[in-house]
Amino acid sequence: MAHIRIDENFCKGCGLCTYACPKHILALAKDRMNSKGYHPAECTDEEACIGCCSCAMMCPDTAITVEK
């Protein structure tokens, strides 16, 4: 099983990871902001993650790490 780790301090809420995920389990947090004022990405269903790393490869700020 894979584990997605998102460093919210680096995330600028661009949403590219949400489009790259083939399982559509990433979304921008609507209820919180990071220290820069952006809505960071979050995993909505970690059990469904297949560990493809598409989200991490798409992230321009290298805020996402996928651990297998």
PDB file of N, CA and C in Angstrom:
ATOM      1  N   MET A   1       0.844  -1.185   0.000  1.00  0.00           N
ATOM      2  CA  MET A   1       0.000   0.000   0.000  1.00  0.00           C
ATOM      3  C   MET A   1       0.881   1.237   0.000  1.00  0.00           C
ATOM      4  N   ALA A   2       0.512   2.232  -0.747  1.00  0.00           N
ATOM      5  CA  ALA A   2       1.278   3.466  -0.861  1.00  0.00           C
ATOM      6  C   ALA A   2       0.759   4.510   0.125  1.00  0.00           C
ATOM      7  N   HIS A   3       1.646   5.433   0.458  1.00  0.00           N
ATOM      8  CA  HIS A   3       1.305   6.520   1.376  1.00  0.00           C
ATOM      9  C   HIS A   3       1.719   7.829   0.713  1.00  0.00           C
ATOM     10  N   ILE A   4       0.789   8.753   0.591  1.00  0.00           N
ATOM     11  CA  ILE A   4       1.063  10.054  -0.011  1.00  0.00           C
ATOM     12  C   ILE A   4       1.336  11.057   1.105  1.00  0.00           C
ATOM     13  N   ARG A   5       2.479  11.740   0.986  1.00  0.00           N
ATOM     14  CA  ARG A   5       2.822  12.772   1.965  1.00  0.00           C
ATOM     15  C   ARG A   5       2.927  14.094   1.223  1.00  0.00           C
ATOM     16  N   ILE A   6       2.166  15.088   1.677  1.00  0.00           N
ATOM     17  CA  ILE A   6       2.158  16.403   1.038  1.00  0.00           C
ATOM     18  C   ILE A   6       2.685  17.424   2.030  1.00  0.00           C
ATOM     19  N   ASP A   7       3.750  18.118   1.658  1.00  0.00           N
ATOM     20  CA  ASP A   7       4.299  19.172   2.497  1.00  0.00           C
ATOM     21  C   ASP A   7       3.490  20.435   2.225  1.00  0.00           C
ATOM     22  N   GLU A   8       2.575  20.727   3.117  1.00  0.00           N
ATOM     23  CA  GLU A   8       1.643  21.828   2.905  1.00  0.00           C
ATOM     24  C   GLU A   8       2.328  23.184   2.844  1.00  0.00           C
ATOM     25  N   ASN A   9       3.510  23.310   3.419  1.00  0.00           N
ATOM     26  CA  ASN A   9       4.221  24.587   3.369  1.00  0.00           C
ATOM     27  C   ASN A   9       4.760  24.891   1.972  1.00  0.00           C
ATOM     28  N   PHE A  10       4.994  23.861   1.154  1.00  0.00           N
ATOM     29  CA  PHE A  10       5.463  24.061  -0.212  1.00  0.00           C
ATOM     30  C   PHE A  10       4.324  24.102  -1.225  1.00  0.00           C
ATOM     31  N   CYS A  11       3.190  23.528  -0.889  1.00  0.00           N
ATOM     32  CA  CYS A  11       2.061  23.454  -1.814  1.00  0.00           C
ATOM     33  C   CYS A  11       1.464  24.836  -2.046  1.00  0.00           C
ATOM     34  N   LYS A  12       1.307  25.198  -3.328  1.00  0.00           N
ATOM     35  CA  LYS A  12       0.698  26.488  -3.658  1.00  0.00           C
ATOM     36  C   LYS A  12      -0.724  26.335  -4.183  1.00  0.00           C
ATOM     37  N   GLY A  13      -1.278  25.134  -4.070  1.00  0.00           N
ATOM     38  CA  GLY A  13      -2.671  24.904  -4.442  1.00  0.00           C
ATOM     39  C   GLY A  13      -2.954  25.036  -5.918  1.00  0.00           C
ATOM     40  N   CYS A  14      -1.999  24.670  -6.760  1.00  0.00           N
ATOM     41  CA  CYS A  14      -2.195  24.810  -8.208  1.00  0.00           C
ATOM     42  C   CYS A  14      -3.197  23.787  -8.747  1.00  0.00           C
ATOM     43  N   GLY A  15      -3.316  22.636  -8.073  1.00  0.00           N
ATOM     44  CA  GLY A  15      -4.279  21.628  -8.480  1.00  0.00           C
ATOM     45  C   GLY A  15      -3.803  20.682  -9.568  1.00  0.00           C
ATOM     46  N   LEU A  16      -2.566  20.806 -10.021  1.00  0.00           N
ATOM     47  CA  LEU A  16      -2.067  19.915 -11.080  1.00  0.00           C
ATOM     48  C   LEU A  16      -2.083  18.460 -10.641  1.00  0.00           C
ATOM     49  N   CYS A  17      -1.811  18.204  -9.381  1.00  0.00           N
ATOM     50  CA  CYS A  17      -1.820  16.825  -8.878  1.00  0.00           C
ATOM     51  C   CYS A  17      -3.217  16.218  -8.930  1.00  0.00           C
ATOM     52  N   THR A  18      -4.228  17.031  -8.726  1.00  0.00           N
ATOM     53  CA  THR A  18      -5.598  16.517  -8.752  1.00  0.00           C
ATOM     54  C   THR A  18      -5.979  16.035 -10.149  1.00  0.00           C
ATOM     55  N   TYR A  19      -5.437  16.676 -11.183  1.00  0.00           N
ATOM     56  CA  TYR A  19      -5.706  16.256 -12.560  1.00  0.00           C
ATOM     57  C   TYR A  19      -4.851  15.061 -12.959  1.00  0.00           C
ATOM     58  N   ALA A  20      -3.658  14.946 -12.369  1.00  0.00           N
ATOM     59  CA  ALA A  20      -2.740  13.869 -12.737  1.00  0.00           C
ATOM     60  C   ALA A  20      -3.116  12.532 -12.116  1.00  0.00           C
ATOM     61  N   CYS A  21      -3.819  12.545 -11.007  1.00  0.00           N
ATOM     62  CA  CYS A  21      -4.143  11.306 -10.297  1.00  0.00           C
ATOM     63  C   CYS A  21      -5.176  10.482 -11.066  1.00  0.00           C
ATOM     64  N   PRO A  22      -4.802   9.260 -11.470  1.00  0.00           N
ATOM     65  CA  PRO A  22      -5.761   8.428 -12.218  1.00  0.00           C
ATOM     66  C   PRO A  22      -6.915   7.921 -11.361  1.00  0.00           C
ATOM     67  N   LYS A  23      -6.752   7.901 -10.052  1.00  0.00           N
ATOM     68  CA  LYS A  23      -7.809   7.441  -9.143  1.00  0.00           C
ATOM     69  C   LYS A  23      -8.658   8.590  -8.603  1.00  0.00           C
ATOM     70  N   HIS A  24      -8.275   9.828  -8.897  1.00  0.00           N
ATOM     71  CA  HIS A  24      -9.007  11.027  -8.472  1.00  0.00           C
ATOM     72  C   HIS A  24      -9.198  11.077  -6.952  1.00  0.00           C
ATOM     73  N   ILE A  25      -8.110  10.823  -6.227  1.00  0.00           N
ATOM     74  CA  ILE A  25      -8.187  10.822  -4.759  1.00  0.00           C
ATOM     75  C   ILE A  25      -7.484  12.022  -4.136  1.00  0.00           C
ATOM     76  N   LEU A  26      -7.071  12.982  -4.952  1.00  0.00           N
ATOM     77  CA  LEU A  26      -6.472  14.209  -4.438  1.00  0.00           C
ATOM     78  C   LEU A  26      -7.414  15.370  -4.694  1.00  0.00           C
ATOM     79  N   ALA A  27      -7.469  16.268  -3.722  1.00  0.00           N
ATOM     80  CA  ALA A  27      -8.322  17.446  -3.848  1.00  0.00           C
ATOM     81  C   ALA A  27      -7.675  18.585  -3.070  1.00  0.00           C
ATOM     82  N   LEU A  28      -8.069  19.802  -3.382  1.00  0.00           N
ATOM     83  CA  LEU A  28      -7.591  20.942  -2.622  1.00  0.00           C
ATOM     84  C   LEU A  28      -8.455  21.098  -1.379  1.00  0.00           C
ATOM     85  N   ALA A  29      -7.813  21.296  -0.251  1.00  0.00           N
ATOM     86  CA  ALA A  29      -8.536  21.437   1.015  1.00  0.00           C
ATOM     87  C   ALA A  29      -9.356  22.727   0.989  1.00  0.00           C
ATOM     88  N   LYS A  30     -10.621  22.608   1.221  1.00  0.00           N
ATOM     89  CA  LYS A  30     -11.499  23.778   1.210  1.00  0.00           C
ATOM     90  C   LYS A  30     -11.593  24.448   2.579  1.00  0.00           C
ATOM     91  N   ASP A  31     -11.289  23.687   3.630  1.00  0.00           N
ATOM     92  CA  ASP A  31     -11.500  24.182   4.983  1.00  0.00           C
ATOM     93  C   ASP A  31     -10.246  24.700   5.682  1.00  0.00           C
ATOM     94  N   ARG A  32      -9.096  24.683   5.002  1.00  0.00           N
ATOM     95  CA  ARG A  32      -7.890  25.204   5.645  1.00  0.00           C
ATOM     96  C   ARG A  32      -6.927  25.772   4.604  1.00  0.00           C
ATOM     97  N   MET A  33      -6.014  26.615   5.097  1.00  0.00           N
ATOM     98  CA  MET A  33      -4.997  27.247   4.264  1.00  0.00           C
ATOM     99  C   MET A  33      -3.631  27.030   4.892  1.00  0.00           C
ATOM    100  N   ASN A  34      -2.599  27.076   4.058  1.00  0.00           N
ATOM    101  CA  ASN A  34      -1.246  26.980   4.599  1.00  0.00           C
ATOM    102  C   ASN A  34      -0.752  28.378   4.986  1.00  0.00           C
ATOM    103  N   SER A  35       0.491  28.474   5.401  1.00  0.00           N
ATOM    104  CA  SER A  35       1.031  29.749   5.890  1.00  0.00           C
ATOM    105  C   SER A  35       1.138  30.804   4.790  1.00  0.00           C
ATOM    106  N   LYS A  36       1.100  30.378   3.527  1.00  0.00           N
ATOM    107  CA  LYS A  36       1.174  31.325   2.412  1.00  0.00           C
ATOM    108  C   LYS A  36      -0.207  31.759   1.914  1.00  0.00           C
ATOM    109  N   GLY A  37      -1.253  31.193   2.499  1.00  0.00           N
ATOM    110  CA  GLY A  37      -2.606  31.569   2.127  1.00  0.00           C
ATOM    111  C   GLY A  37      -3.214  30.740   1.013  1.00  0.00           C
ATOM    112  N   TYR A  38      -2.622  29.587   0.701  1.00  0.00           N
ATOM    113  CA  TYR A  38      -3.140  28.701  -0.345  1.00  0.00           C
ATOM    114  C   TYR A  38      -3.884  27.528   0.282  1.00  0.00           C
ATOM    115  N   HIS A  39      -4.842  27.015  -0.450  1.00  0.00           N
ATOM    116  CA  HIS A  39      -5.516  25.783  -0.048  1.00  0.00           C
ATOM    117  C   HIS A  39      -4.645  24.618  -0.515  1.00  0.00           C
ATOM    118  N   PRO A  40      -4.036  23.883   0.397  1.00  0.00           N
ATOM    119  CA  PRO A  40      -3.132  22.802  -0.013  1.00  0.00           C
ATOM    120  C   PRO A  40      -3.880  21.562  -0.498  1.00  0.00           C
ATOM    121  N   ALA A  41      -3.167  20.744  -1.237  1.00  0.00           N
ATOM    122  CA  ALA A  41      -3.731  19.479  -1.705  1.00  0.00           C
ATOM    123  C   ALA A  41      -3.801  18.499  -0.540  1.00  0.00           C
ATOM    124  N   GLU A  42      -4.752  17.578  -0.615  1.00  0.00           N
ATOM    125  CA  GLU A  42      -4.880  16.534   0.395  1.00  0.00           C
ATOM    126  C   GLU A  42      -5.401  15.270  -0.265  1.00  0.00           C
ATOM    127  N   CYS A  43      -5.050  14.140   0.329  1.00  0.00           N
ATOM    128  CA  CYS A  43      -5.521  12.859  -0.164  1.00  0.00           C
ATOM    129  C   CYS A  43      -6.860  12.557   0.487  1.00  0.00           C
ATOM    130  N   THR A  44      -7.853  12.221  -0.311  1.00  0.00           N
ATOM    131  CA  THR A  44      -9.191  11.969   0.214  1.00  0.00           C
ATOM    132  C   THR A  44      -9.449  10.502   0.518  1.00  0.00           C
ATOM    133  N   ASP A  45      -8.657   9.610  -0.098  1.00  0.00           N
ATOM    134  CA  ASP A  45      -8.849   8.174   0.122  1.00  0.00           C
ATOM    135  C   ASP A  45      -7.524   7.452  -0.078  1.00  0.00           C
ATOM    136  N   GLU A  46      -6.717   7.394   0.965  1.00  0.00           N
ATOM    137  CA  GLU A  46      -5.384   6.811   0.862  1.00  0.00           C
ATOM    138  C   GLU A  46      -5.415   5.315   0.550  1.00  0.00           C
ATOM    139  N   GLU A  47      -6.473   4.630   0.915  1.00  0.00           N
ATOM    140  CA  GLU A  47      -6.600   3.201   0.625  1.00  0.00           C
ATOM    141  C   GLU A  47      -6.668   2.934  -0.881  1.00  0.00           C
ATOM    142  N   ALA A  48      -7.165   3.902  -1.637  1.00  0.00           N
ATOM    143  CA  ALA A  48      -7.322   3.729  -3.080  1.00  0.00           C
ATOM    144  C   ALA A  48      -6.055   4.070  -3.862  1.00  0.00           C
ATOM    145  N   CYS A  49      -5.041   4.608  -3.209  1.00  0.00           N
ATOM    146  CA  CYS A  49      -3.802   5.003  -3.886  1.00  0.00           C
ATOM    147  C   CYS A  49      -3.081   3.765  -4.427  1.00  0.00           C
ATOM    148  N   ILE A  50      -2.687   3.826  -5.695  1.00  0.00           N
ATOM    149  CA  ILE A  50      -1.990   2.708  -6.326  1.00  0.00           C
ATOM    150  C   ILE A  50      -0.478   2.935  -6.388  1.00  0.00           C
ATOM    151  N   GLY A  51      -0.018   4.077  -5.886  1.00  0.00           N
ATOM    152  CA  GLY A  51       1.414   4.357  -5.837  1.00  0.00           C
ATOM    153  C   GLY A  51       2.046   4.657  -7.179  1.00  0.00           C
ATOM    154  N   CYS A  52       1.309   5.210  -8.102  1.00  0.00           N
ATOM    155  CA  CYS A  52       1.827   5.468  -9.445  1.00  0.00           C
ATOM    156  C   CYS A  52       2.777   6.667  -9.501  1.00  0.00           C
ATOM    157  N   CYS A  53       2.727   7.526  -8.515  1.00  0.00           N
ATOM    158  CA  CYS A  53       3.589   8.716  -8.404  1.00  0.00           C
ATOM    159  C   CYS A  53       3.283   9.796  -9.435  1.00  0.00           C
ATOM    160  N   SER A  54       2.161   9.715 -10.116  1.00  0.00           N
ATOM    161  CA  SER A  54       1.805  10.747 -11.095  1.00  0.00           C
ATOM    162  C   SER A  54       1.661  12.109 -10.434  1.00  0.00           C
ATOM    163  N   CYS A  55       1.109  12.122  -9.248  1.00  0.00           N
ATOM    164  CA  CYS A  55       0.925  13.383  -8.531  1.00  0.00           C
ATOM    165  C   CYS A  55       2.270  14.027  -8.193  1.00  0.00           C
ATOM    166  N   ALA A  56       3.205  13.212  -7.722  1.00  0.00           N
ATOM    167  CA  ALA A  56       4.527  13.720  -7.344  1.00  0.00           C
ATOM    168  C   ALA A  56       5.300  14.210  -8.564  1.00  0.00           C
ATOM    169  N   MET A  57       5.176  13.502  -9.687  1.00  0.00           N
ATOM    170  CA  MET A  57       5.873  13.926 -10.900  1.00  0.00           C
ATOM    171  C   MET A  57       5.289  15.216 -11.464  1.00  0.00           C
ATOM    172  N   MET A  58       4.001  15.432 -11.284  1.00  0.00           N
ATOM    173  CA  MET A  58       3.343  16.604 -11.829  1.00  0.00           C
ATOM    174  C   MET A  58       3.560  17.857 -10.966  1.00  0.00           C
ATOM    175  N   CYS A  59       3.836  17.677  -9.687  1.00  0.00           N
ATOM    176  CA  CYS A  59       3.951  18.804  -8.752  1.00  0.00           C
ATOM    177  C   CYS A  59       5.159  19.683  -9.101  1.00  0.00           C
ATOM    178  N   PRO A  60       4.937  20.958  -9.460  1.00  0.00           N
ATOM    179  CA  PRO A  60       6.053  21.835  -9.824  1.00  0.00           C
ATOM    180  C   PRO A  60       6.895  22.260  -8.620  1.00  0.00           C
ATOM    181  N   ASP A  61       6.381  22.091  -7.423  1.00  0.00           N
ATOM    182  CA  ASP A  61       7.097  22.515  -6.227  1.00  0.00           C
ATOM    183  C   ASP A  61       7.651  21.354  -5.411  1.00  0.00           C
ATOM    184  N   THR A  62       7.588  20.158  -5.944  1.00  0.00           N
ATOM    185  CA  THR A  62       8.048  18.933  -5.268  1.00  0.00           C
ATOM    186  C   THR A  62       7.524  18.846  -3.830  1.00  0.00           C
ATOM    187  N   ALA A  63       6.255  19.144  -3.680  1.00  0.00           N
ATOM    188  CA  ALA A  63       5.623  19.110  -2.360  1.00  0.00           C
ATOM    189  C   ALA A  63       5.056  17.733  -2.027  1.00  0.00           C
ATOM    190  N   ILE A  64       5.048  16.823  -2.991  1.00  0.00           N
ATOM    191  CA  ILE A  64       4.419  15.510  -2.804  1.00  0.00           C
ATOM    192  C   ILE A  64       5.471  14.403  -2.851  1.00  0.00           C
ATOM    193  N   THR A  65       5.381  13.503  -1.871  1.00  0.00           N
ATOM    194  CA  THR A  65       6.227  12.327  -1.824  1.00  0.00           C
ATOM    195  C   THR A  65       5.314  11.112  -1.697  1.00  0.00           C
ATOM    196  N   VAL A  66       5.569  10.099  -2.508  1.00  0.00           N
ATOM    197  CA  VAL A  66       4.791   8.864  -2.446  1.00  0.00           C
ATOM    198  C   VAL A  66       5.714   7.780  -1.903  1.00  0.00           C
ATOM    199  N   GLU A  67       5.315   7.189  -0.784  1.00  0.00           N
ATOM    200  CA  GLU A  67       6.093   6.129  -0.165  1.00  0.00           C
ATOM    201  C   GLU A  67       5.386   4.809  -0.410  1.00  0.00           C
ATOM    202  N   LYS A  68       6.140   3.805  -0.828  1.00  0.00           N
ATOM    203  CA  LYS A  68       5.552   2.503  -1.100  1.00  0.00           C
ATOM    204  C   LYS A  68       5.961   1.516  -0.047  1.00  0.00           C
TER     205      LYS A  68
END
